PDB file of N, CA and C in Angstrom:
ATOM      1  N   UNK A   1     155.678 188.121 185.098  1.00  0.00           N
ATOM      2  CA  UNK A   1     156.194 186.652 185.959  1.00  0.00           C
ATOM      3  C   UNK A   1     157.327 187.565 186.792  1.00  0.00           C
ATOM      4  N   UNK A   2     156.433 186.169 188.100  1.00  0.00           N
ATOM      5  CA  UNK A   2     157.399 187.465 189.055  1.00  0.00           C
ATOM      6  C   UNK A   2     158.066 185.734 189.975  1.00  0.00           C
ATOM      7  N   UNK A   3     159.162 185.949 190.615  1.00  0.00           N
ATOM      8  CA  UNK A   3     159.540 184.268 190.846  1.00  0.00           C
ATOM      9  C   UNK A   3     160.406 185.552 192.608  1.00  0.00           C
ATOM     10  N   UNK A   4     160.067 184.967 193.530  1.00  0.00           N
ATOM     11  CA  UNK A   4     160.353 185.203 195.102  1.00  0.00           C
ATOM     12  C   UNK A   4     161.460 185.434 194.821  1.00  0.00           C
ATOM     13  N   UNK A   5     162.494 186.021 195.467  1.00  0.00           N
ATOM     14  CA  UNK A   5     163.732 187.452 195.053  1.00  0.00           C
ATOM     15  C   UNK A   5     164.744 185.427 196.211  1.00  0.00           C
ATOM     16  N   UNK A   6     164.094 185.240 196.937  1.00  0.00           N
ATOM     17  CA  UNK A   6     165.463 184.111 197.602  1.00  0.00           C
ATOM     18  C   UNK A   6     165.166 182.758 196.487  1.00  0.00           C
ATOM     19  N   UNK A   7     164.177 182.800 196.139  1.00  0.00           N
ATOM     20  CA  UNK A   7     164.712 181.913 195.237  1.00  0.00           C
ATOM     21  C   UNK A   7     165.292 182.088 193.240  1.00  0.00           C
ATOM     22  N   UNK A   8     165.467 183.883 193.342  1.00  0.00           N
ATOM     23  CA  UNK A   8     165.773 183.750 191.977  1.00  0.00           C
ATOM     24  C   UNK A   8     167.370 183.963 192.240  1.00  0.00           C
ATOM     25  N   UNK A   9     167.386 184.303 193.612  1.00  0.00           N
ATOM     26  CA  UNK A   9     168.923 184.524 193.996  1.00  0.00           C
ATOM     27  C   UNK A   9     169.710 183.028 194.554  1.00  0.00           C
ATOM     28  N   UNK A  10     168.543 181.774 194.990  1.00  0.00           N
ATOM     29  CA  UNK A  10     169.458 180.432 194.904  1.00  0.00           C
ATOM     30  C   UNK A  10     169.543 179.861 193.316  1.00  0.00           C
ATOM     31  N   UNK A  11     168.757 180.282 192.442  1.00  0.00           N
ATOM     32  CA  UNK A  11     169.258 179.351 191.503  1.00  0.00           C
ATOM     33  C   UNK A  11     170.237 180.687 190.045  1.00  0.00           C
ATOM     34  N   UNK A  12     170.330 181.981 191.383  1.00  0.00           N
ATOM     35  CA  UNK A  12     171.394 182.355 190.227  1.00  0.00           C
ATOM     36  C   UNK A  12     172.752 182.007 190.083  1.00  0.00           C
ATOM     37  N   UNK A  13     172.990 181.506 191.541  1.00  0.00           N
ATOM     38  CA  UNK A  13     173.649 180.567 192.410  1.00  0.00           C
ATOM     39  C   UNK A  13     174.020 179.412 191.982  1.00  0.00           C
ATOM     40  N   UNK A  14     172.991 178.729 191.384  1.00  0.00           N
ATOM     41  CA  UNK A  14     173.313 176.946 190.925  1.00  0.00           C
ATOM     42  C   UNK A  14     173.352 177.124 189.172  1.00  0.00           C
ATOM     43  N   UNK A  15     172.865 178.464 188.374  1.00  0.00           N
ATOM     44  CA  UNK A  15     172.522 178.755 186.881  1.00  0.00           C
ATOM     45  C   UNK A  15     174.071 178.704 186.723  1.00  0.00           C
ATOM     46  N   UNK A  16     174.986 179.692 187.480  1.00  0.00           N
ATOM     47  CA  UNK A  16     176.227 180.723 186.797  1.00  0.00           C
ATOM     48  C   UNK A  16     176.762 179.960 185.737  1.00  0.00           C
ATOM     49  N   UNK A  17     176.988 179.392 185.767  1.00  0.00           N
ATOM     50  CA  UNK A  17     177.770 178.749 184.476  1.00  0.00           C
ATOM     51  C   UNK A  17     177.270 178.075 183.305  1.00  0.00           C
ATOM     52  N   UNK A  18     175.964 178.320 183.129  1.00  0.00           N
ATOM     53  CA  UNK A  18     174.652 178.129 182.140  1.00  0.00           C
ATOM     54  C   UNK A  18     173.995 179.431 181.776  1.00  0.00           C
ATOM     55  N   UNK A  19     173.473 180.414 183.041  1.00  0.00           N
ATOM     56  CA  UNK A  19     173.207 180.947 182.752  1.00  0.00           C
ATOM     57  C   UNK A  19     172.073 181.021 183.040  1.00  0.00           C
ATOM     58  N   UNK A  20     170.994 182.258 183.660  1.00  0.00           N
ATOM     59  CA  UNK A  20     169.633 181.606 183.994  1.00  0.00           C
ATOM     60  C   UNK A  20     168.823 181.247 183.197  1.00  0.00           C
ATOM     61  N   UNK A  21     168.803 181.989 181.470  1.00  0.00           N
ATOM     62  CA  UNK A  21     168.071 181.277 180.554  1.00  0.00           C
ATOM     63  C   UNK A  21     168.131 179.994 180.582  1.00  0.00           C
ATOM     64  N   UNK A  22     168.952 179.585 180.718  1.00  0.00           N
ATOM     65  CA  UNK A  22     169.587 178.307 180.404  1.00  0.00           C
ATOM     66  C   UNK A  22     168.399 177.636 181.250  1.00  0.00           C
ATOM     67  N   UNK A  23     168.746 178.250 182.618  1.00  0.00           N
ATOM     68  CA  UNK A  23     167.781 177.436 184.068  1.00  0.00           C
ATOM     69  C   UNK A  23     167.201 176.888 183.825  1.00  0.00           C
ATOM     70  N   UNK A  24     166.059 177.637 183.889  1.00  0.00           N
ATOM     71  CA  UNK A  24     164.391 178.138 183.467  1.00  0.00           C
ATOM     72  C   UNK A  24     164.084 177.303 181.943  1.00  0.00           C
ATOM     73  N   UNK A  25     164.789 177.830 180.926  1.00  0.00           N
ATOM     74  CA  UNK A  25     164.373 176.724 179.942  1.00  0.00           C
ATOM     75  C   UNK A  25     164.796 175.187 180.106  1.00  0.00           C
ATOM     76  N   UNK A  26     165.766 174.995 180.701  1.00  0.00           N
ATOM     77  CA  UNK A  26     165.474 173.567 181.293  1.00  0.00           C
ATOM     78  C   UNK A  26     164.082 173.108 181.643  1.00  0.00           C
ATOM     79  N   UNK A  27     164.181 173.962 183.552  1.00  0.00           N
ATOM     80  CA  UNK A  27     163.451 173.242 184.086  1.00  0.00           C
ATOM     81  C   UNK A  27     161.918 173.602 183.119  1.00  0.00           C
ATOM     82  N   UNK A  28     161.819 174.408 182.931  1.00  0.00           N
ATOM     83  CA  UNK A  28     160.310 174.899 181.965  1.00  0.00           C
ATOM     84  C   UNK A  28     159.963 172.992 180.406  1.00  0.00           C
ATOM     85  N   UNK A  29     161.038 172.523 180.375  1.00  0.00           N
ATOM     86  CA  UNK A  29     161.251 171.537 179.676  1.00  0.00           C
ATOM     87  C   UNK A  29     161.025 170.628 180.786  1.00  0.00           C
ATOM     88  N   UNK A  30     161.647 170.461 182.302  1.00  0.00           N
ATOM     89  CA  UNK A  30     161.476 169.464 182.872  1.00  0.00           C
ATOM     90  C   UNK A  30     159.985 169.048 182.738  1.00  0.00           C
ATOM     91  N   UNK A  31     159.345 170.674 183.109  1.00  0.00           N
ATOM     92  CA  UNK A  31     158.216 170.209 183.512  1.00  0.00           C
ATOM     93  C   UNK A  31     156.545 170.185 182.957  1.00  0.00           C
ATOM     94  N   UNK A  32     157.413 170.471 181.907  1.00  0.00           N
ATOM     95  CA  UNK A  32     156.550 170.070 180.413  1.00  0.00           C
ATOM     96  C   UNK A  32     156.968 168.307 179.607  1.00  0.00           C
ATOM     97  N   UNK A  33     157.813 168.083 180.283  1.00  0.00           N
ATOM     98  CA  UNK A  33     157.888 166.517 180.500  1.00  0.00           C
ATOM     99  C   UNK A  33     157.308 165.992 181.285  1.00  0.00           C
ATOM    100  N   UNK A  34     157.421 166.100 182.362  1.00  0.00           N
ATOM    101  CA  UNK A  34     156.762 165.541 183.240  1.00  0.00           C
ATOM    102  C   UNK A  34     155.111 165.340 183.350  1.00  0.00           C
ATOM    103  N   UNK A  35     154.621 166.745 182.729  1.00  0.00           N
ATOM    104  CA  UNK A  35     152.870 167.320 182.048  1.00  0.00           C
ATOM    105  C   UNK A  35     153.013 166.016 180.839  1.00  0.00           C
ATOM    106  N   UNK A  36     153.447 165.263 180.629  1.00  0.00           N
ATOM    107  CA  UNK A  36     152.850 165.151 179.190  1.00  0.00           C
ATOM    108  C   UNK A  36     153.083 163.569 179.626  1.00  0.00           C
ATOM    109  N   UNK A  37     153.941 163.446 180.601  1.00  0.00           N
ATOM    110  CA  UNK A  37     153.998 161.320 180.683  1.00  0.00           C
ATOM    111  C   UNK A  37     152.755 161.398 181.752  1.00  0.00           C
ATOM    112  N   UNK A  38     152.096 162.494 182.558  1.00  0.00           N
ATOM    113  CA  UNK A  38     151.670 162.523 183.522  1.00  0.00           C
ATOM    114  C   UNK A  38     150.221 162.015 182.869  1.00  0.00           C
ATOM    115  N   UNK A  39     150.050 163.523 181.991  1.00  0.00           N
ATOM    116  CA  UNK A  39     149.250 162.807 180.831  1.00  0.00           C
ATOM    117  C   UNK A  39     148.945 161.426 180.359  1.00  0.00           C
ATOM    118  N   UNK A  40     150.038 161.471 179.693  1.00  0.00           N
ATOM    119  CA  UNK A  40     150.329 159.169 178.832  1.00  0.00           C
ATOM    120  C   UNK A  40     149.805 158.181 179.994  1.00  0.00           C
ATOM    121  N   UNK A  41     149.998 158.335 181.439  1.00  0.00           N
ATOM    122  CA  UNK A  41     149.908 157.143 182.706  1.00  0.00           C
ATOM    123  C   UNK A  41     149.367 157.702 182.230  1.00  0.00           C
ATOM    124  N   UNK A  42     148.182 159.007 182.931  1.00  0.00           N
ATOM    125  CA  UNK A  42     146.514 158.911 183.135  1.00  0.00           C
ATOM    126  C   UNK A  42     145.278 158.562 181.959  1.00  0.00           C
ATOM    127  N   UNK A  43     146.075 158.358 180.944  1.00  0.00           N
ATOM    128  CA  UNK A  43     145.473 157.212 179.649  1.00  0.00           C
ATOM    129  C   UNK A  43     145.082 156.311 179.383  1.00  0.00           C
ATOM    130  N   UNK A  44     146.586 155.420 180.403  1.00  0.00           N
ATOM    131  CA  UNK A  44     146.687 154.251 179.744  1.00  0.00           C
ATOM    132  C   UNK A  44     146.401 153.819 180.954  1.00  0.00           C
ATOM    133  N   UNK A  45     146.234 154.480 182.050  1.00  0.00           N
ATOM    134  CA  UNK A  45     145.538 153.900 183.560  1.00  0.00           C
ATOM    135  C   UNK A  45     144.108 153.452 182.625  1.00  0.00           C
ATOM    136  N   UNK A  46     143.495 154.549 182.308  1.00  0.00           N
ATOM    137  CA  UNK A  46     141.971 154.918 181.931  1.00  0.00           C
ATOM    138  C   UNK A  46     142.101 153.528 180.199  1.00  0.00           C
ATOM    139  N   UNK A  47     142.655 153.382 180.087  1.00  0.00           N
ATOM    140  CA  UNK A  47     142.189 152.128 179.075  1.00  0.00           C
ATOM    141  C   UNK A  47     142.794 150.718 179.266  1.00  0.00           C
ATOM    142  N   UNK A  48     143.773 150.930 179.932  1.00  0.00           N
ATOM    143  CA  UNK A  48     144.384 149.406 180.653  1.00  0.00           C
ATOM    144  C   UNK A  48     143.527 149.047 182.236  1.00  0.00           C
ATOM    145  N   UNK A  49     143.190 150.276 183.151  1.00  0.00           N
ATOM    146  CA  UNK A  49     143.265 149.612 184.420  1.00  0.00           C
ATOM    147  C   UNK A  49     144.385 150.180 185.290  1.00  0.00           C
ATOM    148  N   UNK A  50     144.563 150.216 186.335  1.00  0.00           N
ATOM    149  CA  UNK A  50     145.648 150.568 186.724  1.00  0.00           C
ATOM    150  C   UNK A  50     146.576 149.278 187.228  1.00  0.00           C
ATOM    151  N   UNK A  51     147.929 149.981 187.645  1.00  0.00           N
ATOM    152  CA  UNK A  51     148.676 148.593 188.181  1.00  0.00           C
ATOM    153  C   UNK A  51     148.903 147.890 189.055  1.00  0.00           C
ATOM    154  N   UNK A  52     149.618 147.005 188.403  1.00  0.00           N
ATOM    155  CA  UNK A  52     149.457 145.727 190.054  1.00  0.00           C
ATOM    156  C   UNK A  52     150.307 147.081 190.734  1.00  0.00           C
ATOM    157  N   UNK A  53     150.674 146.044 191.819  1.00  0.00           N
ATOM    158  CA  UNK A  53     151.363 146.098 192.643  1.00  0.00           C
ATOM    159  C   UNK A  53     153.073 145.925 192.967  1.00  0.00           C
ATOM    160  N   UNK A  54     153.191 144.388 192.429  1.00  0.00           N
ATOM    161  CA  UNK A  54     153.879 143.885 191.181  1.00  0.00           C
ATOM    162  C   UNK A  54     154.302 145.041 189.761  1.00  0.00           C
ATOM    163  N   UNK A  55     153.529 145.205 189.375  1.00  0.00           N
ATOM    164  CA  UNK A  55     153.940 146.362 188.091  1.00  0.00           C
ATOM    165  C   UNK A  55     154.433 147.299 188.582  1.00  0.00           C
ATOM    166  N   UNK A  56     154.057 148.593 189.290  1.00  0.00           N
ATOM    167  CA  UNK A  56     154.291 149.154 190.293  1.00  0.00           C
ATOM    168  C   UNK A  56     156.072 149.670 190.706  1.00  0.00           C
ATOM    169  N   UNK A  57     156.417 148.393 191.474  1.00  0.00           N
ATOM    170  CA  UNK A  57     157.869 148.336 192.522  1.00  0.00           C
ATOM    171  C   UNK A  57     158.609 147.721 191.277  1.00  0.00           C
ATOM    172  N   UNK A  58     158.245 146.946 190.407  1.00  0.00           N
ATOM    173  CA  UNK A  58     159.053 146.560 188.491  1.00  0.00           C
ATOM    174  C   UNK A  58     159.205 147.940 188.061  1.00  0.00           C
ATOM    175  N   UNK A  59     158.369 148.874 188.115  1.00  0.00           N
ATOM    176  CA  UNK A  59     159.015 150.162 186.893  1.00  0.00           C
ATOM    177  C   UNK A  59     159.398 151.177 187.559  1.00  0.00           C
ATOM    178  N   UNK A  60     159.423 151.747 189.158  1.00  0.00           N
ATOM    179  CA  UNK A  60     160.153 152.331 190.228  1.00  0.00           C
ATOM    180  C   UNK A  60     161.530 152.164 190.010  1.00  0.00           C
ATOM    181  N   UNK A  61     162.155 150.637 189.960  1.00  0.00           N
ATOM    182  CA  UNK A  61     163.100 149.516 190.865  1.00  0.00           C
ATOM    183  C   UNK A  61     164.290 150.141 189.031  1.00  0.00           C
ATOM    184  N   UNK A  62     163.380 150.510 187.582  1.00  0.00           N
ATOM    185  CA  UNK A  62     163.452 150.267 186.274  1.00  0.00           C
ATOM    186  C   UNK A  62     163.733 152.133 186.218  1.00  0.00           C
ATOM    187  N   UNK A  63     163.164 152.560 186.727  1.00  0.00           N
ATOM    188  CA  UNK A  63     163.605 154.262 187.015  1.00  0.00           C
ATOM    189  C   UNK A  63     164.674 154.063 188.180  1.00  0.00           C
ATOM    190  N   UNK A  64     165.105 153.824 189.379  1.00  0.00           N
ATOM    191  CA  UNK A  64     165.929 154.167 190.065  1.00  0.00           C
ATOM    192  C   UNK A  64     167.178 153.606 188.667  1.00  0.00           C
ATOM    193  N   UNK A  65     166.987 152.653 187.895  1.00  0.00           N
ATOM    194  CA  UNK A  65     168.431 152.141 187.819  1.00  0.00           C
ATOM    195  C   UNK A  65     168.209 153.253 186.142  1.00  0.00           C
ATOM    196  N   UNK A  66     168.085 153.530 185.650  1.00  0.00           N
ATOM    197  CA  UNK A  66     167.723 154.961 185.477  1.00  0.00           C
ATOM    198  C   UNK A  66     168.448 156.118 185.010  1.00  0.00           C
ATOM    199  N   UNK A  67     168.184 156.322 186.914  1.00  0.00           N
ATOM    200  CA  UNK A  67     168.133 157.861 187.071  1.00  0.00           C
ATOM    201  C   UNK A  67     170.305 157.383 187.953  1.00  0.00           C
ATOM    202  N   UNK A  68     170.651 155.821 188.097  1.00  0.00           N
ATOM    203  CA  UNK A  68     171.841 155.854 188.125  1.00  0.00           C
ATOM    204  C   UNK A  68     172.528 156.079 187.132  1.00  0.00           C
ATOM    205  N   UNK A  69     171.969 155.492 186.237  1.00  0.00           N
ATOM    206  CA  UNK A  69     172.208 155.675 185.040  1.00  0.00           C
ATOM    207  C   UNK A  69     172.963 156.847 184.613  1.00  0.00           C
ATOM    208  N   UNK A  70     171.702 157.497 184.007  1.00  0.00           N
ATOM    209  CA  UNK A  70     171.491 159.191 183.888  1.00  0.00           C
ATOM    210  C   UNK A  70     172.948 159.455 184.931  1.00  0.00           C
ATOM    211  N   UNK A  71     173.075 159.202 186.094  1.00  0.00           N
ATOM    212  CA  UNK A  71     173.970 159.945 186.697  1.00  0.00           C
ATOM    213  C   UNK A  71     175.655 159.320 186.707  1.00  0.00           C
ATOM    214  N   UNK A  72     175.471 158.741 186.438  1.00  0.00           N
ATOM    215  CA  UNK A  72     177.245 158.238 186.127  1.00  0.00           C
ATOM    216  C   UNK A  72     177.600 159.035 184.848  1.00  0.00           C
ATOM    217  N   UNK A  73     176.575 159.224 184.393  1.00  0.00           N
ATOM    218  CA  UNK A  73     176.673 159.340 182.773  1.00  0.00           C
ATOM    219  C   UNK A  73     177.014 161.369 182.647  1.00  0.00           C
ATOM    220  N   UNK A  74     176.155 161.377 183.999  1.00  0.00           N
ATOM    221  CA  UNK A  74     176.687 163.379 183.863  1.00  0.00           C
ATOM    222  C   UNK A  74     178.310 163.820 183.946  1.00  0.00           C
ATOM    223  N   UNK A  75     178.075 165.039 183.193  1.00  0.00           N
ATOM    224  CA  UNK A  75     179.760 164.830 183.882  1.00  0.00           C
ATOM    225  C   UNK A  75     180.260 165.430 184.884  1.00  0.00           C
ATOM    226  N   UNK A  76     180.772 165.563 185.620  1.00  0.00           N
ATOM    227  CA  UNK A  76     181.225 166.045 187.221  1.00  0.00           C
ATOM    228  C   UNK A  76     180.475 167.886 186.885  1.00  0.00           C
ATOM    229  N   UNK A  77     179.665 167.819 188.186  1.00  0.00           N
ATOM    230  CA  UNK A  77     179.118 169.213 188.175  1.00  0.00           C
ATOM    231  C   UNK A  77     178.323 169.636 187.953  1.00  0.00           C
ATOM    232  N   UNK A  78     177.821 169.286 186.872  1.00  0.00           N
ATOM    233  CA  UNK A  78     176.101 169.395 185.883  1.00  0.00           C
ATOM    234  C   UNK A  78     175.127 169.299 186.784  1.00  0.00           C
ATOM    235  N   UNK A  79     174.606 168.993 186.831  1.00  0.00           N
ATOM    236  CA  UNK A  79     173.197 169.663 187.792  1.00  0.00           C
ATOM    237  C   UNK A  79     171.231 169.464 186.605  1.00  0.00           C
ATOM    238  N   UNK A  80     170.831 168.418 186.966  1.00  0.00           N
ATOM    239  CA  UNK A  80     169.327 167.803 186.484  1.00  0.00           C
ATOM    240  C   UNK A  80     168.749 169.541 186.281  1.00  0.00           C
ATOM    241  N   UNK A  81     168.105 169.981 185.903  1.00  0.00           N
ATOM    242  CA  UNK A  81     167.148 170.998 186.334  1.00  0.00           C
ATOM    243  C   UNK A  81     165.656 170.004 187.408  1.00  0.00           C
ATOM    244  N   UNK A  82     165.861 168.945 186.738  1.00  0.00           N
ATOM    245  CA  UNK A  82     164.001 168.966 187.924  1.00  0.00           C
ATOM    246  C   UNK A  82     165.040 167.616 189.427  1.00  0.00           C
ATOM    247  N   UNK A  83     166.073 167.986 189.898  1.00  0.00           N
ATOM    248  CA  UNK A  83     167.186 166.975 190.672  1.00  0.00           C
ATOM    249  C   UNK A  83     165.884 167.246 192.064  1.00  0.00           C
ATOM    250  N   UNK A  84     165.321 168.697 192.050  1.00  0.00           N
ATOM    251  CA  UNK A  84     164.660 168.441 193.515  1.00  0.00           C
ATOM    252  C   UNK A  84     163.687 167.779 193.284  1.00  0.00           C
ATOM    253  N   UNK A  85     163.369 168.461 192.289  1.00  0.00           N
ATOM    254  CA  UNK A  85     161.702 167.520 191.918  1.00  0.00           C
ATOM    255  C   UNK A  85     161.463 166.327 192.842  1.00  0.00           C
TER     256      UNK A  85
END
């Protein structure tokens, strides 16, 4: 596996406290979870049809509330692996 040098330098700077391996493991878990969520979403749409605009708006509002709660509970200085995504 090859990681571009500029990206690796940036990640090392952000991962200094936790270490590069922990940072990469967290990022891979985040990606895996997103992939699984996408699979679930695709399956649900196949089974029940696409979301209405009202359902989509309500879902995004709930996600914003969850993100705000997660941010409130996060210890100072700790960054989420998926923050830039």
